[in-house]
Amino acid sequence: MTAISSDRATEIQYVCDDTGQTVSVIVPIEVWKRITSQQVESLVVEGLDSGEPIEVTEEWWNAKRDRLLEKLDGDSQ
């Protein structure tokens, strides 16, 4: 696991031992100060084991945002 910090966030890069897949996670610095690297690694491994990987593209983010906005709009009515 590699951590690269700036004044606002920390980027964590983790290479999965089984697949060699690299996962990058950006954690706001205020969160990074409250958690340990073992907690982050545990969450990354849990995410890797959670199912089939997806490619997160601009189109995926737009669709995800639209679904969340629709859900929020439906909850407020």
Protein backbone atom coordinates (compact mmCIF):
# COMPACT_ATOMS: atom_id res chain seq x y z
CA MET A 1 0.00 0.00 0.00
CA THR A 2 1.29 3.43 -0.95
CA ALA A 3 -0.04 6.72 0.45
CA ILE A 4 0.55 10.06 -1.28
CA SER A 5 -0.56 13.07 0.77
CA SER A 6 -1.33 16.68 -0.05
CA ASP A 7 -2.77 19.38 2.18
CA ARG A 8 -6.36 18.34 1.29
CA ALA A 9 -6.36 14.60 0.60
CA THR A 10 -4.40 11.39 0.63
CA GLU A 11 -4.36 9.05 -2.35
CA ILE A 12 -3.91 5.42 -1.36
CA GLN A 13 -2.78 2.89 -3.93
CA TYR A 14 -3.17 -0.77 -3.07
CA VAL A 15 -2.08 -3.70 -5.25
CA CYS A 16 -4.16 -6.84 -4.73
CA ASP A 17 -1.92 -9.85 -4.11
CA ASP A 18 -4.26 -12.29 -5.87
CA THR A 19 -4.95 -10.40 -9.10
CA GLY A 20 -2.26 -7.74 -9.28
CA GLN A 21 -5.06 -5.22 -9.73
CA THR A 22 -4.26 -1.71 -8.46
CA VAL A 23 -6.93 0.22 -6.60
CA SER A 24 -6.62 3.94 -5.94
CA VAL A 25 -8.70 5.64 -3.27
CA ILE A 26 -8.67 9.34 -2.46
CA VAL A 27 -9.38 10.04 1.20
CA PRO A 28 -9.99 13.56 2.53
CA ILE A 29 -7.17 14.49 4.92
CA GLU A 30 -9.55 14.95 7.89
CA VAL A 31 -10.70 11.35 7.45
CA TRP A 32 -7.15 10.08 6.92
CA LYS A 33 -6.15 11.55 10.30
CA ARG A 34 -8.87 9.52 12.07
CA ILE A 35 -8.24 6.12 10.51
CA THR A 36 -5.30 3.75 10.36
CA SER A 37 -3.68 2.35 7.25
CA GLN A 38 -4.84 -1.11 8.37
CA GLN A 39 -8.46 0.11 8.33
CA VAL A 40 -7.99 1.49 4.82
CA GLU A 41 -6.36 -1.72 3.61
CA SER A 42 -9.19 -3.75 5.13
CA LEU A 43 -11.80 -1.63 3.31
CA VAL A 44 -9.92 -1.90 0.00
CA VAL A 45 -9.68 -5.69 0.29
CA GLU A 46 -13.38 -5.86 1.19
CA GLY A 47 -14.16 -3.80 -1.91
CA LEU A 48 -12.03 -6.04 -4.13
CA ASP A 49 -13.87 -9.09 -2.81
CA SER A 50 -17.33 -7.51 -3.22
CA GLY A 51 -18.04 -8.72 -6.74
CA GLU A 52 -17.19 -8.16 -10.36
CA PRO A 53 -15.09 -5.05 -10.99
CA ILE A 54 -16.57 -2.17 -12.94
CA GLU A 55 -14.83 0.44 -15.05
CA VAL A 56 -15.61 3.86 -13.63
CA THR A 57 -15.85 6.20 -16.59
CA GLU A 58 -17.27 9.70 -17.03
CA GLU A 59 -20.46 8.10 -18.35
CA TRP A 60 -20.69 5.83 -15.30
CA TRP A 61 -20.32 8.82 -12.92
CA ASN A 62 -23.00 10.77 -14.83
CA ALA A 63 -25.43 7.86 -14.67
CA LYS A 64 -24.66 7.29 -10.97
CA ARG A 65 -25.21 10.98 -10.21
CA ASP A 66 -28.52 10.98 -12.12
CA ARG A 67 -29.76 7.91 -10.20
CA LEU A 68 -28.80 9.48 -6.86
CA LEU A 69 -30.49 12.77 -7.75
CA GLU A 70 -33.65 10.90 -8.79
CA LYS A 71 -33.60 8.98 -5.49
CA LEU A 72 -33.12 12.18 -3.49
CA ASP A 73 -35.92 13.88 -5.41
CA GLY A 74 -38.22 10.89 -4.78
CA ASP A 75 -37.39 10.86 -1.06
CA SER A 76 -38.23 14.53 -0.65
CA GLN A 77 -41.77 14.17 -2.02
